[in-house]
Amino acid sequence: MSRLAKTQPSVCTSDPLKDEEVRRKLAVLRQILTSCFGPRGRLKQVHNNVGGPVLTTSTSAVLLKALTPSHPVLRLLTASVLNHAARFGDCGLFAGILCSALVERAAALGVEAATAAGAYRRLLGLCAGYLQRDDCGCKVPVDFGSSRCLLALARGAVAAKPACALTPGEARHVGAQVVRAFLHTVPCAAPGPVRLGRAATVAVEGRPAGETAVHPGLLVDAPETLRPADAERLGRGPLRLALFSASLAGDLPEAGEGTFEVDWEVSLEEVVLGQLMRLGEQVVRDGVQVFVCQRVVHPVLQQYLRKHGVIVVERLGIALLEPLIQVSGAQAVASFQTPVPVQSYGQLGGLRVLRCGSRELLHLLPVGDPPCCTLLLCHRTETALSELKVACQTAERVLRQTLMEPWALLGGGCTETHLSAYVGFQSRGDASDAAAELGCSRAHYLLAADAFRRALLAAARALEHDGGERLMDLSRAHCWDVPPGADPRAPWRDAVGRCGCGLTPPRGDLEWSPLGTDHPPFSPAPPAGMDHPPFSPAPPAGTDADPLVLDSFAAKYNALHVAVETANLILDIKYIVQDVN
């Protein structure tokens, strides 16, 4: 009876953002996300208090899954960011930093939360409308006739994660291989609707990242019993392939709910094994030379197939099932209790054994040129390889999104500073109309607009981690870096290099303002012309350096909406009811 406790009533908290402890926790989360942002971000190590592996990352999707926020407001914010990252892959840190900065600044404004939320909603529409315009000054068209923008997008996604531990040359090489793999998945002159192929990823630990390469077809773990002579014996194809998604381990098949009535003299194991052997006899008669199963194959069936010269690959995994279907044209058979239809067999162009580090891989060569390939991803350590795999998957997703919406946004903080200048200029011009629409005073609307503008600048300033200064020019509103060791007495034009996106070199007629300081409102200058976007010259032939830094348009556009809408949702919370039992 001593362990019994009286049920406690639920705790109801009103106006959670007025609680100093909640605001402190929100600030801590913002600091964690801010410190991870950008290619010079700081890594985070997450370890629970009951043991287990240590997680080292700066990727939002990996980091936020490992964190367990205690307060409902923080859980709401992290859930929104994780949902965005699951859909778009990129710009999760940007969404989290902007959202938390908007909430913190609105809570410190001294105006009604509803007024701040209404102003944020109006300013979001202003930014979204500007980003959709063809003359928007912070987006550039992606020309698929040139690989430069694609390489910049892929390189930016890979180089932005310091846990990948890549040198600049390795980052360029891996980014180029990701673009190559992506282009391999785009079908050429395909009749009917275009359907993108798949790029499978196989990770190999212990080899330099410079050995990362793209292979047509599919790489799978070679069976332990496979000898190189077996693959050489089969030679070039076509080779007939059988593919099974059902388990062939000899277990009782899944028959749903209910009961079985069997004779007491009947052995279920023998019945199932008999069915498996009849399956093996059929595929041997049908001339199958490669037998692949997503799950486990019974040892007796394996021995029978190998005896008849069939190469058996088991434990393929669900991730490689669809790529193998595209490579071979096979149909995955989901049962072994019925004869295998002849039309379900696929074909391979050949086999070869590939050794990379400690792994021995079986290369399944396709017939023809299907839009499917394998990215063989190498790195020296397990932690860096895990982070690099996530970064490459993000880069591939960004490139796929660019196919549907062929635009990119300026990187390096230039989009954030450009939008902040645009919001600051436009909000002053329509402040009276906006205040009348929202039912607030003009001063309160301008305060909320200034908070929105400074939250965007906070996201741009978060890219600096070494004590340097970040500036915004008062012409195109691009973002500029002043190195930490620069002489404070020297003019800024002598200290800055190219802007964050790499498109604009410093000019003598430019004026700068430190991020976060007051400056006269101005309308950012439009691009030089849509037919000739303001690109810096391409790097000379034979060099690898390219200053161009771009972000995914689709990912950042959605992240902007997620950040503002989640911030408004948090501002609208009046009560939190928690069960403390």
Protein backbone atom coordinates (compact mmCIF):
# COMPACT_ATOMS: atom_id res chain seq x y z
CA MET A 1 0.00 0.00 0.00
CA SER A 2 2.96 2.34 0.49
CA ARG A 3 3.45 2.47 -3.29
CA LEU A 4 -0.02 3.80 -3.96
CA ALA A 5 -0.20 7.51 -4.70
CA LYS A 6 -3.18 9.76 -5.02
CA THR A 7 -3.95 10.92 -8.54
CA GLN A 8 -2.84 14.49 -8.99
CA PRO A 9 -4.96 17.00 -10.90
CA SER A 10 -3.66 18.26 -14.25
CA VAL A 11 -1.59 21.43 -14.18
CA CYS A 12 -2.91 24.36 -16.21
CA THR A 13 -0.46 27.11 -17.17
CA SER A 14 -1.73 30.37 -18.64
CA ASP A 15 0.32 32.59 -20.95
CA PRO A 16 3.35 30.25 -21.11
CA LEU A 17 5.50 32.83 -22.91
CA LYS A 18 5.33 35.09 -19.88
CA ASP A 19 7.03 32.40 -17.82
CA GLU A 20 10.73 33.21 -17.49
CA GLU A 21 11.65 29.51 -17.37
CA VAL A 22 9.90 28.81 -20.68
CA ARG A 23 11.64 31.74 -22.33
CA ARG A 24 14.98 30.54 -20.97
CA LYS A 25 14.44 27.05 -22.41
CA LEU A 26 13.44 28.52 -25.75
CA ALA A 27 16.60 30.64 -25.78
CA VAL A 28 18.73 27.57 -25.01
CA LEU A 29 17.18 25.68 -27.93
CA ARG A 30 17.80 28.64 -30.23
CA GLN A 31 21.43 28.79 -29.11
CA ILE A 32 21.86 25.06 -29.80
CA LEU A 33 20.46 25.41 -33.32
CA THR A 34 22.37 28.63 -33.99
CA SER A 35 25.70 27.11 -32.99
CA CYS A 36 25.16 24.26 -35.50
CA PHE A 37 24.31 26.51 -38.45
CA GLY A 38 26.49 26.67 -41.55
CA PRO A 39 29.76 25.12 -42.70
CA ARG A 40 31.61 26.49 -39.67
CA GLY A 41 28.95 25.38 -37.19
CA ARG A 42 29.88 23.60 -33.99
CA LEU A 43 29.15 19.91 -33.56
CA LYS A 44 26.87 18.51 -30.88
CA GLN A 45 27.33 15.25 -29.00
CA VAL A 46 24.17 13.66 -27.60
CA HIS A 47 24.33 10.81 -25.10
CA ASN A 48 21.60 9.49 -22.84
CA ASN A 49 22.15 8.83 -19.15
CA VAL A 50 21.73 5.06 -19.34
CA GLY A 51 24.48 4.28 -21.82
CA GLY A 52 24.40 3.67 -25.53
CA PRO A 53 26.27 5.26 -28.44
CA VAL A 54 27.38 8.88 -28.58
CA LEU A 55 25.74 10.81 -31.42
CA THR A 56 27.87 13.50 -33.09
CA THR A 57 26.04 15.72 -35.56
CA SER A 58 25.03 19.22 -36.60
CA THR A 59 22.12 18.13 -38.82
CA SER A 60 18.71 19.29 -37.60
CA ALA A 61 16.85 16.08 -38.46
CA VAL A 62 19.39 13.94 -36.58
CA LEU A 63 19.90 16.32 -33.65
CA LEU A 64 16.26 17.07 -32.88
CA LYS A 65 15.31 13.39 -33.00
CA ALA A 66 17.90 12.71 -30.33
CA LEU A 67 16.78 15.58 -28.08
CA THR A 68 13.80 15.17 -25.74
CA PRO A 69 12.44 18.65 -24.93
CA SER A 70 10.50 18.74 -21.68
CA HIS A 71 8.14 21.61 -22.40
CA PRO A 72 5.18 21.41 -24.82
CA VAL A 73 6.18 24.66 -26.55
CA LEU A 74 9.61 23.27 -27.38
CA ARG A 75 8.11 19.96 -28.48
CA LEU A 76 5.79 21.83 -30.85
CA LEU A 77 8.70 23.74 -32.37
CA THR A 78 10.90 20.65 -32.82
CA ALA A 79 8.01 18.66 -34.30
CA SER A 80 7.42 21.36 -36.92
CA VAL A 81 11.09 21.45 -37.88
CA LEU A 82 11.32 17.65 -38.06
CA ASN A 83 8.23 17.50 -40.25
CA HIS A 84 9.76 20.06 -42.62
CA ALA A 85 13.09 18.17 -42.68
CA ALA A 86 11.30 14.90 -43.43
CA ARG A 87 9.60 16.47 -46.46
CA PHE A 88 12.38 18.66 -47.88
CA GLY A 89 15.59 17.46 -46.22
CA ASP A 90 17.25 20.89 -46.09
CA CYS A 91 16.92 24.22 -44.20
CA GLY A 92 15.74 22.66 -40.93
CA LEU A 93 18.18 24.72 -38.85
CA PHE A 94 17.07 27.89 -40.64
CA ALA A 95 13.42 27.14 -39.82
CA GLY A 96 14.21 26.47 -36.14
CA ILE A 97 16.40 29.55 -35.70
CA LEU A 98 13.93 31.88 -37.42
CA CYS A 99 10.93 30.47 -35.52
CA SER A 100 12.55 30.77 -32.09
CA ALA A 101 13.86 34.27 -32.89
CA LEU A 102 10.37 35.40 -33.96
CA VAL A 103 8.81 34.06 -30.76
CA GLU A 104 11.45 35.59 -28.51
CA ARG A 105 11.26 39.00 -30.16
CA ALA A 106 7.46 39.03 -30.13
CA ALA A 107 7.44 38.14 -26.42
CA ALA A 108 9.78 41.10 -25.72
CA LEU A 109 7.90 43.65 -27.85
CA GLY A 110 5.35 44.70 -25.29
CA VAL A 111 2.48 44.41 -27.78
CA GLU A 112 -0.40 41.95 -27.89
CA ALA A 113 0.56 38.49 -29.13
CA ALA A 114 -2.36 38.58 -31.57
CA THR A 115 -1.03 41.82 -33.05
CA ALA A 116 2.46 40.36 -33.51
CA ALA A 117 1.03 37.18 -35.05
CA GLY A 118 -1.13 39.17 -37.46
CA ALA A 119 1.83 41.31 -38.50
CA TYR A 120 4.01 38.22 -38.97
CA ARG A 121 1.32 36.64 -41.14
CA ARG A 122 1.07 39.74 -43.32
CA LEU A 123 4.86 40.03 -43.65
CA LEU A 124 5.10 36.35 -44.56
CA GLY A 125 2.69 36.98 -47.43
CA LEU A 126 4.82 39.96 -48.47
CA CYS A 127 7.98 37.80 -48.57
CA ALA A 128 6.24 34.89 -50.30
CA GLY A 129 4.84 37.15 -53.01
CA TYR A 130 8.26 38.71 -53.56
CA LEU A 131 9.98 35.33 -53.80
CA GLN A 132 7.51 34.18 -56.43
CA ARG A 133 8.17 37.18 -58.66
CA ASP A 134 10.43 36.72 -61.67
CA ASP A 135 12.33 39.91 -60.81
CA CYS A 136 13.09 38.80 -57.23
CA GLY A 137 16.61 39.93 -56.40
CA CYS A 138 17.57 36.96 -54.19
CA LYS A 139 16.79 34.04 -56.48
CA VAL A 140 18.46 32.85 -59.67
CA PRO A 141 17.24 30.51 -62.42
CA VAL A 142 18.80 27.07 -62.60
CA ASP A 143 19.98 26.29 -66.10
CA PHE A 144 20.02 22.53 -66.65
CA GLY A 145 22.14 23.08 -69.74
CA SER A 146 25.03 23.82 -67.37
CA SER A 147 26.14 21.88 -64.32
CA ARG A 148 27.35 24.93 -62.36
CA CYS A 149 24.16 25.58 -60.37
CA LEU A 150 23.62 21.88 -59.74
CA LEU A 151 27.18 21.51 -58.45
CA ALA A 152 26.73 24.56 -56.22
CA LEU A 153 23.51 23.16 -54.73
CA ALA A 154 25.03 19.74 -54.06
CA ARG A 155 28.31 21.13 -52.75
CA GLY A 156 26.44 23.49 -50.43
CA ALA A 157 24.41 20.66 -48.90
CA VAL A 158 27.53 18.56 -48.31
CA ALA A 159 29.94 21.30 -47.18
CA ALA A 160 27.42 22.78 -44.73
CA LYS A 161 27.85 19.80 -42.37
CA PRO A 162 31.19 19.98 -40.54
CA ALA A 163 30.70 16.51 -39.05
CA CYS A 164 31.32 15.16 -42.55
CA ALA A 165 34.99 16.09 -41.94
CA LEU A 166 35.75 16.79 -45.60
CA THR A 167 38.54 18.84 -47.06
CA PRO A 168 37.46 21.43 -49.69
CA GLY A 169 38.67 19.14 -52.45
CA GLU A 170 36.79 16.16 -51.02
CA ALA A 171 33.61 18.24 -50.65
CA ARG A 172 33.83 19.24 -54.32
CA HIS A 173 34.46 15.64 -55.37
CA VAL A 174 31.57 14.19 -53.32
CA GLY A 175 29.24 16.97 -54.53
CA ALA A 176 30.17 16.22 -58.13
CA GLN A 177 29.47 12.51 -57.61
CA VAL A 178 26.05 13.30 -56.11
CA VAL A 179 25.21 15.40 -59.18
CA ARG A 180 26.43 12.62 -61.44
CA ALA A 181 24.25 10.08 -59.61
CA PHE A 182 21.26 12.42 -59.83
CA LEU A 183 21.70 12.97 -63.56
CA HIS A 184 21.90 9.21 -64.01
CA THR A 185 18.39 8.88 -62.54
CA VAL A 186 16.87 11.27 -65.09
CA PRO A 187 15.63 9.20 -68.05
CA CYS A 188 16.59 10.35 -71.53
CA ALA A 189 13.95 10.44 -74.29
CA ALA A 190 11.56 8.25 -72.29
CA PRO A 191 8.14 7.87 -73.94
CA GLY A 192 5.12 8.90 -71.92
CA PRO A 193 5.30 10.48 -68.45
CA VAL A 194 8.84 10.95 -67.13
CA ARG A 195 9.54 8.88 -64.02
CA LEU A 196 12.77 9.49 -62.15
CA GLY A 197 14.93 6.52 -61.33
CA ARG A 198 16.66 5.70 -58.09
CA ALA A 199 20.18 6.24 -56.80
CA ALA A 200 21.00 3.70 -54.11
CA THR A 201 23.69 4.53 -51.55
CA VAL A 202 26.22 1.99 -50.30
CA ALA A 203 28.51 3.20 -47.50
CA VAL A 204 32.04 1.85 -47.03
CA GLU A 205 34.00 2.76 -43.92
CA GLY A 206 37.76 3.01 -43.80
CA ARG A 207 38.45 4.46 -47.25
CA PRO A 208 39.14 8.13 -48.17
CA ALA A 209 36.17 10.21 -49.25
CA GLY A 210 37.97 10.84 -52.53
CA GLU A 211 37.22 7.24 -53.55
CA THR A 212 33.48 7.97 -53.63
CA ALA A 213 32.18 7.00 -57.06
CA VAL A 214 29.02 6.30 -59.05
CA HIS A 215 28.44 2.88 -60.59
CA PRO A 216 25.68 2.06 -63.07
CA GLY A 217 23.44 -0.72 -61.86
CA LEU A 218 23.33 -1.90 -58.27
CA LEU A 219 25.92 -2.88 -55.66
CA VAL A 220 24.91 -5.41 -53.00
CA ASP A 221 26.85 -7.31 -50.37
CA ALA A 222 28.41 -10.36 -51.98
CA PRO A 223 27.41 -13.72 -50.45
CA GLU A 224 30.10 -15.18 -48.20
CA THR A 225 30.15 -18.35 -50.30
CA LEU A 226 30.59 -16.50 -53.57
CA ARG A 227 33.89 -16.91 -55.35
CA PRO A 228 35.10 -14.52 -58.05
CA ALA A 229 35.20 -17.48 -60.42
CA ASP A 230 31.44 -17.91 -59.98
CA ALA A 231 30.75 -14.42 -61.30
CA GLU A 232 33.34 -14.82 -64.07
CA ARG A 233 31.78 -18.16 -65.05
CA LEU A 234 28.46 -16.51 -65.74
CA GLY A 235 30.20 -13.85 -67.81
CA ARG A 236 28.20 -11.26 -69.65
CA GLY A 237 24.43 -11.46 -69.74
CA PRO A 238 21.66 -11.48 -70.19
CA LEU A 239 21.24 -13.39 -66.93
CA ARG A 240 17.81 -14.40 -65.65
CA LEU A 241 17.01 -13.12 -62.15
CA ALA A 242 14.31 -14.13 -59.67
CA LEU A 243 13.36 -11.67 -56.92
CA PHE A 244 11.39 -12.49 -53.75
CA SER A 245 10.04 -10.09 -51.15
CA ALA A 246 8.64 -12.91 -48.96
CA SER A 247 10.76 -14.65 -46.35
CA LEU A 248 12.10 -17.99 -47.56
CA ALA A 249 13.45 -19.02 -44.16
CA GLY A 250 10.98 -21.91 -43.77
CA ASP A 251 8.84 -20.26 -41.11
CA LEU A 252 5.09 -20.79 -41.08
CA PRO A 253 3.65 -18.36 -43.62
CA GLU A 254 1.66 -15.43 -42.31
CA ALA A 255 -1.98 -16.44 -42.59
CA GLY A 256 -3.62 -13.74 -40.52
CA GLU A 257 -5.80 -14.39 -37.49
CA GLY A 258 -7.48 -17.75 -36.93
CA THR A 259 -6.64 -21.35 -36.08
CA PHE A 260 -5.05 -24.22 -38.00
CA GLU A 261 -6.38 -27.76 -38.05
CA VAL A 262 -3.73 -30.31 -39.06
CA ASP A 263 -3.28 -34.02 -38.69
CA TRP A 264 -1.09 -34.92 -35.72
CA GLU A 265 1.23 -36.93 -37.98
CA VAL A 266 1.94 -33.97 -40.26
CA SER A 267 5.13 -31.89 -39.68
CA LEU A 268 4.58 -28.26 -40.65
CA GLU A 269 8.30 -27.72 -41.07
CA GLU A 270 8.56 -30.55 -43.56
CA VAL A 271 5.56 -29.28 -45.50
CA VAL A 272 7.03 -25.77 -45.79
CA LEU A 273 10.47 -27.11 -46.70
CA GLY A 274 8.87 -29.26 -49.38
CA GLN A 275 7.25 -26.16 -50.87
CA LEU A 276 10.60 -24.36 -50.82
CA MET A 277 12.31 -27.25 -52.61
CA ARG A 278 9.60 -27.31 -55.29
CA LEU A 279 10.24 -23.59 -55.73
CA GLY A 280 13.97 -24.27 -56.13
CA GLU A 281 13.31 -26.98 -58.71
CA GLN A 282 11.12 -24.61 -60.71
CA VAL A 283 13.61 -21.75 -60.85
CA VAL A 284 16.38 -24.16 -61.87
CA ARG A 285 14.19 -25.54 -64.67
CA ASP A 286 13.39 -21.98 -65.77
CA GLY A 287 17.09 -21.17 -66.14
CA VAL A 288 17.40 -18.69 -63.28
CA GLN A 289 21.04 -17.77 -62.66
CA VAL A 290 20.68 -15.12 -59.92
CA PHE A 291 18.28 -15.69 -57.00
CA VAL A 292 17.66 -12.64 -54.77
CA CYS A 293 15.54 -12.48 -51.61
CA GLN A 294 14.70 -9.38 -49.60
CA ARG A 295 14.78 -11.46 -46.40
CA VAL A 296 16.30 -14.83 -45.42
CA VAL A 297 16.67 -17.97 -47.57
CA HIS A 298 16.54 -21.42 -45.95
CA PRO A 299 20.04 -23.06 -45.84
CA VAL A 300 18.78 -26.24 -47.56
CA LEU A 301 17.31 -24.22 -50.42
CA GLN A 302 20.53 -22.18 -50.67
CA GLN A 303 22.61 -25.35 -50.90
CA TYR A 304 20.35 -26.78 -53.59
CA LEU A 305 20.50 -23.62 -55.69
CA ARG A 306 24.29 -23.25 -55.36
CA LYS A 307 24.69 -26.90 -56.34
CA HIS A 308 22.98 -26.07 -59.62
CA GLY A 309 25.13 -23.02 -60.29
CA VAL A 310 22.68 -20.35 -59.08
CA ILE A 311 24.09 -17.33 -57.20
CA VAL A 312 21.98 -16.67 -54.09
CA VAL A 313 21.76 -13.18 -52.52
CA GLU A 314 19.72 -12.92 -49.32
CA ARG A 315 18.94 -10.11 -46.85
CA LEU A 316 18.75 -7.56 -49.66
CA GLY A 317 16.70 -5.13 -47.53
CA ILE A 318 13.72 -2.97 -48.35
CA ALA A 319 15.88 0.02 -49.39
CA LEU A 320 17.43 -1.85 -52.35
CA LEU A 321 14.28 -3.67 -53.45
CA GLU A 322 12.89 -0.89 -55.67
CA PRO A 323 16.29 -0.05 -57.28
CA LEU A 324 16.78 -3.73 -58.14
CA ILE A 325 13.33 -3.83 -59.74
CA GLN A 326 14.30 -0.85 -61.90
CA VAL A 327 17.70 -2.34 -62.80
CA SER A 328 16.43 -5.80 -63.73
CA GLY A 329 12.78 -5.27 -64.65
CA ALA A 330 11.81 -8.11 -62.29
CA GLN A 331 8.61 -8.28 -60.27
CA ALA A 332 8.99 -9.03 -56.57
CA VAL A 333 7.26 -12.33 -55.74
CA ALA A 334 5.47 -12.18 -52.39
CA SER A 335 4.77 -15.91 -51.88
CA PHE A 336 6.49 -19.25 -52.38
CA GLN A 337 3.34 -21.40 -52.12
CA THR A 338 2.40 -20.96 -55.78
CA PRO A 339 4.46 -21.38 -58.97
CA VAL A 340 6.49 -18.35 -59.99
CA PRO A 341 5.01 -16.59 -63.06
CA VAL A 342 7.47 -16.51 -65.94
CA GLN A 343 6.78 -12.80 -66.54
CA SER A 344 8.05 -11.96 -63.04
CA TYR A 345 11.64 -12.86 -63.92
CA GLY A 346 14.08 -10.08 -64.67
CA GLN A 347 17.36 -9.77 -66.54
CA LEU A 348 20.85 -8.57 -65.71
CA GLY A 349 23.55 -7.52 -68.13
CA GLY A 350 26.23 -9.31 -66.12
CA LEU A 351 27.96 -9.70 -62.76
CA ARG A 352 31.30 -8.75 -61.34
CA VAL A 353 32.87 -8.69 -57.89
CA LEU A 354 34.05 -5.30 -56.59
CA ARG A 355 36.29 -4.96 -53.55
CA CYS A 356 36.29 -1.67 -51.64
CA GLY A 357 38.08 -1.57 -48.32
CA SER A 358 36.85 -4.35 -46.07
CA ARG A 359 33.68 -4.93 -48.09
CA GLU A 360 33.23 -7.28 -51.01
CA LEU A 361 30.36 -6.17 -53.23
CA LEU A 362 28.51 -7.88 -56.04
CA HIS A 363 27.94 -5.51 -58.95
CA LEU A 364 24.65 -6.25 -60.74
CA LEU A 365 25.06 -4.76 -64.19
CA PRO A 366 21.90 -3.63 -66.00
CA VAL A 367 20.69 -4.44 -69.48
CA GLY A 368 20.69 -1.22 -71.48
CA ASP A 369 20.82 2.09 -69.63
CA PRO A 370 18.03 2.24 -67.01
CA PRO A 371 17.79 5.38 -64.83
CA CYS A 372 19.29 3.67 -61.79
CA CYS A 373 22.76 3.70 -60.27
CA THR A 374 24.64 3.23 -56.99
CA LEU A 375 26.58 5.90 -55.14
CA LEU A 376 29.51 4.15 -53.45
CA LEU A 377 30.13 6.47 -50.51
CA CYS A 378 33.49 6.21 -48.72
CA HIS A 379 34.87 7.83 -45.59
CA ARG A 380 37.47 7.18 -42.95
CA THR A 381 35.35 6.97 -39.76
CA GLU A 382 31.89 5.69 -38.88
CA THR A 383 30.67 9.02 -37.48
CA ALA A 384 31.75 11.04 -40.52
CA LEU A 385 30.37 8.41 -42.89
CA SER A 386 26.97 8.44 -41.17
CA GLU A 387 26.75 12.24 -41.38
CA LEU A 388 27.98 12.24 -44.99
CA LYS A 389 25.31 9.73 -45.99
CA VAL A 390 22.58 12.00 -44.59
CA ALA A 391 24.13 15.04 -46.33
CA CYS A 392 24.28 13.26 -49.71
CA GLN A 393 20.66 12.12 -49.41
CA THR A 394 19.72 15.73 -48.63
CA ALA A 395 21.66 16.96 -51.68
CA GLU A 396 19.91 14.43 -53.94
CA ARG A 397 16.51 15.51 -52.61
CA VAL A 398 17.39 19.17 -53.23
CA LEU A 399 18.31 18.39 -56.83
CA ARG A 400 15.06 16.50 -57.37
CA GLN A 401 13.06 19.46 -56.03
CA THR A 402 14.95 21.76 -58.38
CA LEU A 403 13.69 19.73 -61.34
CA MET A 404 10.12 20.63 -60.39
CA GLU A 405 10.92 24.26 -59.54
CA PRO A 406 14.07 25.37 -61.41
CA TRP A 407 15.10 28.20 -59.11
CA ALA A 408 17.71 28.57 -56.39
CA LEU A 409 18.11 31.13 -53.61
CA LEU A 410 21.31 32.98 -52.77
CA GLY A 411 23.26 31.26 -50.02
CA GLY A 412 25.67 32.44 -47.36
CA GLY A 413 23.05 34.62 -45.64
CA CYS A 414 22.39 36.82 -48.68
CA THR A 415 18.74 35.74 -49.04
CA GLU A 416 18.04 36.55 -45.37
CA THR A 417 19.64 40.01 -45.53
CA HIS A 418 17.96 40.78 -48.86
CA LEU A 419 14.53 39.83 -47.49
CA SER A 420 15.12 41.83 -44.32
CA ALA A 421 15.90 44.96 -46.34
CA TYR A 422 12.86 44.37 -48.53
CA VAL A 423 10.59 43.90 -45.49
CA GLY A 424 12.01 46.99 -43.78
CA PHE A 425 11.39 49.17 -46.83
CA GLN A 426 7.95 47.83 -47.77
CA SER A 427 6.59 47.79 -44.20
CA ARG A 428 7.22 51.51 -43.80
CA GLY A 429 5.44 52.25 -47.05
CA ASP A 430 2.21 50.44 -46.17
CA ALA A 431 2.28 50.76 -42.37
CA SER A 432 -0.94 52.78 -42.20
CA ASP A 433 -2.92 50.35 -44.35
CA ALA A 434 -1.52 47.35 -42.47
CA ALA A 435 -2.33 48.87 -39.07
CA ALA A 436 -5.90 49.57 -40.17
CA GLU A 437 -6.27 46.03 -41.47
CA LEU A 438 -4.91 44.47 -38.28
CA GLY A 439 -6.76 46.84 -35.95
CA CYS A 440 -3.64 48.09 -34.18
CA SER A 441 -1.62 51.26 -34.06
CA ARG A 442 0.94 52.14 -36.71
CA ALA A 443 3.70 52.11 -34.10
CA HIS A 444 2.84 48.58 -32.97
CA TYR A 445 2.84 47.30 -36.54
CA LEU A 446 6.26 48.86 -37.19
CA LEU A 447 7.58 47.27 -34.00
CA ALA A 448 6.40 43.84 -35.19
CA ALA A 449 7.87 44.46 -38.66
CA ASP A 450 11.18 45.42 -37.11
CA ALA A 451 11.11 42.21 -35.03
CA PHE A 452 10.48 40.19 -38.20
CA ARG A 453 13.33 41.95 -39.99
CA ARG A 454 15.75 41.42 -37.11
CA ALA A 455 14.79 37.74 -36.84
CA LEU A 456 15.84 37.28 -40.48
CA LEU A 457 19.11 39.08 -39.73
CA ALA A 458 19.62 36.80 -36.72
CA ALA A 459 19.48 33.79 -39.06
CA ALA A 460 22.10 35.41 -41.33
CA ARG A 461 24.29 36.36 -38.36
CA ALA A 462 24.13 32.77 -37.08
CA LEU A 463 26.51 31.70 -39.87
CA GLU A 464 29.40 33.45 -38.07
CA HIS A 465 30.94 31.45 -35.21
CA ASP A 466 34.52 32.74 -34.93
CA GLY A 467 34.02 36.27 -33.66
CA GLY A 468 34.10 38.03 -37.02
CA GLU A 469 31.73 40.75 -38.18
CA ARG A 470 28.88 40.30 -40.67
CA LEU A 471 27.83 43.23 -42.83
CA MET A 472 25.04 44.09 -45.23
CA ASP A 473 25.66 46.34 -48.20
CA LEU A 474 23.14 49.14 -48.66
CA SER A 475 22.68 48.53 -52.38
CA ARG A 476 21.73 44.90 -53.16
CA ALA A 477 21.47 43.92 -49.46
CA HIS A 478 23.91 41.01 -49.73
CA CYS A 479 25.73 39.61 -46.71
CA TRP A 480 29.48 40.08 -46.25
CA ASP A 481 32.08 38.66 -43.87
CA VAL A 482 34.85 40.56 -42.11
CA PRO A 483 37.45 38.02 -40.87
CA PRO A 484 38.08 37.93 -37.10
CA GLY A 485 41.70 39.07 -37.47
CA ALA A 486 40.96 42.08 -39.68
CA ASP A 487 42.37 45.45 -38.66
CA PRO A 488 39.44 47.38 -37.06
CA ARG A 489 40.89 50.69 -38.33
CA ALA A 490 41.02 49.55 -41.96
CA PRO A 491 38.09 50.40 -44.27
CA TRP A 492 35.62 47.59 -44.71
CA ARG A 493 36.17 47.54 -48.49
CA ASP A 494 39.77 46.44 -47.78
CA ALA A 495 38.69 43.68 -45.36
CA VAL A 496 35.74 41.99 -47.08
CA GLY A 497 36.05 39.47 -49.88
CA ARG A 498 33.14 38.31 -51.98
CA CYS A 499 29.67 38.35 -50.49
CA GLY A 500 28.21 35.24 -48.86
CA CYS A 501 26.67 33.85 -52.06
CA GLY A 502 29.81 34.61 -54.08
CA LEU A 503 28.04 36.59 -56.80
CA THR A 504 29.15 40.11 -55.93
CA PRO A 505 32.78 41.24 -55.54
CA PRO A 506 33.49 44.29 -53.34
CA ARG A 507 33.28 47.64 -55.12
CA GLY A 508 34.48 51.04 -54.08
CA ASP A 509 31.00 52.59 -54.26
CA LEU A 510 29.40 50.14 -51.78
CA GLU A 511 28.37 51.13 -48.27
CA TRP A 512 27.98 48.58 -45.50
CA SER A 513 26.13 48.31 -42.20
CA PRO A 514 26.79 45.68 -39.47
CA LEU A 515 23.95 43.19 -39.15
CA GLY A 516 21.54 44.09 -36.39
CA THR A 517 22.32 47.81 -36.39
CA ASP A 518 19.98 50.53 -37.62
CA HIS A 519 20.33 51.85 -41.15
CA PRO A 520 18.15 53.96 -43.45
CA PRO A 521 15.41 51.91 -45.15
CA PHE A 522 16.18 51.19 -48.79
CA SER A 523 14.78 49.07 -51.59
CA PRO A 524 17.29 46.36 -52.61
CA ALA A 525 18.50 46.85 -56.17
CA PRO A 526 17.02 44.38 -58.67
CA PRO A 527 19.22 41.89 -60.53
CA ALA A 528 21.04 43.03 -63.63
CA GLY A 529 18.48 41.27 -65.86
CA MET A 530 16.58 38.04 -65.91
CA ASP A 531 18.12 36.96 -69.19
CA HIS A 532 21.56 37.51 -67.71
CA PRO A 533 21.42 36.90 -63.94
CA PRO A 534 24.13 38.53 -61.82
CA PHE A 535 26.44 35.53 -61.84
CA SER A 536 30.09 35.96 -61.08
CA PRO A 537 32.33 34.58 -63.80
CA ALA A 538 32.79 30.83 -63.80
CA PRO A 539 36.16 29.63 -62.47
CA PRO A 540 38.93 29.25 -65.04
CA ALA A 541 39.32 25.87 -66.71
CA GLY A 542 41.50 23.49 -64.71
CA THR A 543 40.59 24.97 -61.32
CA ASP A 544 38.14 23.62 -58.76
CA ALA A 545 37.38 26.82 -56.84
CA ASP A 546 33.91 28.27 -57.38
CA PRO A 547 32.59 31.01 -55.09
CA LEU A 548 28.95 30.36 -56.00
CA VAL A 549 26.84 29.37 -52.95
CA LEU A 550 23.17 28.51 -53.50
CA ASP A 551 20.32 27.19 -51.36
CA SER A 552 17.31 25.13 -52.36
CA PHE A 553 14.41 27.40 -53.32
CA ALA A 554 11.70 24.87 -52.43
CA ALA A 555 13.26 23.96 -49.07
CA LYS A 556 13.92 27.52 -47.90
CA TYR A 557 10.57 28.79 -49.17
CA ASN A 558 8.77 26.11 -47.16
CA ALA A 559 11.07 26.64 -44.14
CA LEU A 560 10.12 30.33 -44.12
CA HIS A 561 6.43 29.40 -43.99
CA VAL A 562 6.98 26.72 -41.33
CA ALA A 563 8.95 29.12 -39.12
CA VAL A 564 6.40 31.94 -39.25
CA GLU A 565 3.33 29.71 -38.95
CA THR A 566 4.80 27.76 -36.02
CA ALA A 567 5.80 31.02 -34.31
CA ASN A 568 2.24 32.32 -34.72
CA LEU A 569 0.86 29.07 -33.35
CA ILE A 570 3.08 29.37 -30.27
CA LEU A 571 2.10 33.01 -29.80
CA ASP A 572 -1.58 32.02 -29.92
CA ILE A 573 -1.22 29.51 -27.05
CA LYS A 574 -3.09 30.82 -24.01
CA TYR A 575 -3.20 27.74 -21.81
CA ILE A 576 -1.18 24.53 -21.48
CA VAL A 577 -2.80 21.61 -19.65
CA GLN A 578 -0.37 18.89 -18.56
CA ASP A 579 -1.01 15.56 -16.88
CA VAL A 580 1.62 15.23 -14.11
CA ASN A 581 0.75 11.68 -12.99
